[in-house]
Amino acid sequence: MMQKKMNEVNLHSAETKGTMSSLLKYIFYAFVAQFLFGIAAYLYWKLRVERNDKKFV
């Protein structure tokens, strides 16, 4: 009886661990995507502004 209870507890903790790792993975990928998007936007803006500045000079 006690063994069955322990197995249930272990099963639940394994499920929770799986959910947490997928949540952390999702947050990590969202952070990486945001980082890459930020770099792309910064480079695009920098190149575009510099190109426009050269036109006016």
C-alpha atoms as a PDB file:
ATOM      1  CA  MET A   1       0.000   0.000   0.000  1.00  0.00           C
ATOM      2  CA  MET A   2       2.759   2.413   0.945  1.00  0.00           C
ATOM      3  CA  GLN A   3       4.703   1.548  -2.206  1.00  0.00           C
ATOM      4  CA  LYS A   4       1.707   2.418  -4.392  1.00  0.00           C
ATOM      5  CA  LYS A   5       1.379   5.788  -2.670  1.00  0.00           C
ATOM      6  CA  MET A   6       5.089   6.508  -3.234  1.00  0.00           C
ATOM      7  CA  ASN A   7       4.779   5.638  -6.914  1.00  0.00           C
ATOM      8  CA  GLU A   8       1.861   8.048  -7.276  1.00  0.00           C
ATOM      9  CA  VAL A   9       3.868  10.831  -5.618  1.00  0.00           C
ATOM     10  CA  ASN A  10       6.852  10.151  -7.878  1.00  0.00           C
ATOM     11  CA  LEU A  11       4.602  10.149 -10.935  1.00  0.00           C
ATOM     12  CA  HIS A  12       3.134  13.531 -10.008  1.00  0.00           C
ATOM     13  CA  SER A  13       6.546  15.064  -9.337  1.00  0.00           C
ATOM     14  CA  ALA A  14       7.789  13.741 -12.697  1.00  0.00           C
ATOM     15  CA  GLU A  15       4.783  15.323 -14.431  1.00  0.00           C
ATOM     16  CA  THR A  16       5.412  18.618 -12.658  1.00  0.00           C
ATOM     17  CA  LYS A  17       9.086  18.491 -13.582  1.00  0.00           C
ATOM     18  CA  GLY A  18       8.191  17.897 -17.239  1.00  0.00           C
ATOM     19  CA  THR A  19       5.808  20.844 -17.229  1.00  0.00           C
ATOM     20  CA  MET A  20       8.393  23.091 -15.600  1.00  0.00           C
ATOM     21  CA  SER A  21      11.136  22.140 -18.051  1.00  0.00           C
ATOM     22  CA  SER A  22       8.856  22.766 -21.047  1.00  0.00           C
ATOM     23  CA  LEU A  23       7.817  26.099 -19.541  1.00  0.00           C
ATOM     24  CA  LEU A  24      11.449  27.088 -18.989  1.00  0.00           C
ATOM     25  CA  LYS A  25      12.288  25.925 -22.516  1.00  0.00           C
ATOM     26  CA  TYR A  26       9.443  28.086 -23.872  1.00  0.00           C
ATOM     27  CA  ILE A  27      10.664  31.108 -21.903  1.00  0.00           C
ATOM     28  CA  PHE A  28      14.231  30.469 -23.108  1.00  0.00           C
ATOM     29  CA  TYR A  29      13.164  30.241 -26.766  1.00  0.00           C
ATOM     30  CA  ALA A  30      11.004  33.369 -26.408  1.00  0.00           C
ATOM     31  CA  PHE A  31      14.003  35.201 -24.916  1.00  0.00           C
ATOM     32  CA  VAL A  32      16.310  34.039 -27.732  1.00  0.00           C
ATOM     33  CA  ALA A  33      13.744  35.022 -30.390  1.00  0.00           C
ATOM     34  CA  GLN A  34      13.305  38.447 -28.796  1.00  0.00           C
ATOM     35  CA  PHE A  35      17.088  38.876 -28.622  1.00  0.00           C
ATOM     36  CA  LEU A  36      17.538  37.999 -32.309  1.00  0.00           C
ATOM     37  CA  PHE A  37      14.624  40.232 -33.297  1.00  0.00           C
ATOM     38  CA  GLY A  38      16.146  43.086 -31.299  1.00  0.00           C
ATOM     39  CA  ILE A  39      19.520  42.684 -33.017  1.00  0.00           C
ATOM     40  CA  ALA A  40      17.871  42.540 -36.450  1.00  0.00           C
ATOM     41  CA  ALA A  41      15.759  45.642 -35.738  1.00  0.00           C
ATOM     42  CA  TYR A  42      18.788  47.518 -34.377  1.00  0.00           C
ATOM     43  CA  LEU A  43      20.969  46.665 -37.380  1.00  0.00           C
ATOM     44  CA  TYR A  44      18.170  47.512 -39.828  1.00  0.00           C
ATOM     45  CA  TRP A  45      17.518  50.852 -38.121  1.00  0.00           C
ATOM     46  CA  LYS A  46      21.242  51.669 -37.864  1.00  0.00           C
ATOM     47  CA  LEU A  47      21.938  50.889 -41.522  1.00  0.00           C
ATOM     48  CA  ARG A  48      18.815  52.715 -42.696  1.00  0.00           C
ATOM     49  CA  VAL A  49      19.493  55.820 -40.599  1.00  0.00           C
ATOM     50  CA  GLU A  50      23.144  55.941 -41.674  1.00  0.00           C
ATOM     51  CA  ARG A  51      22.107  55.578 -45.319  1.00  0.00           C
ATOM     52  CA  ASN A  52      19.564  58.402 -44.922  1.00  0.00           C
ATOM     53  CA  ASP A  53      22.127  60.612 -43.154  1.00  0.00           C
ATOM     54  CA  LYS A  54      24.519  60.205 -46.086  1.00  0.00           C
ATOM     55  CA  LYS A  55      21.787  61.357 -48.493  1.00  0.00           C
ATOM     56  CA  PHE A  56      21.295  64.606 -46.610  1.00  0.00           C
ATOM     57  CA  VAL A  57      25.007  65.407 -46.207  1.00  0.00           C
END
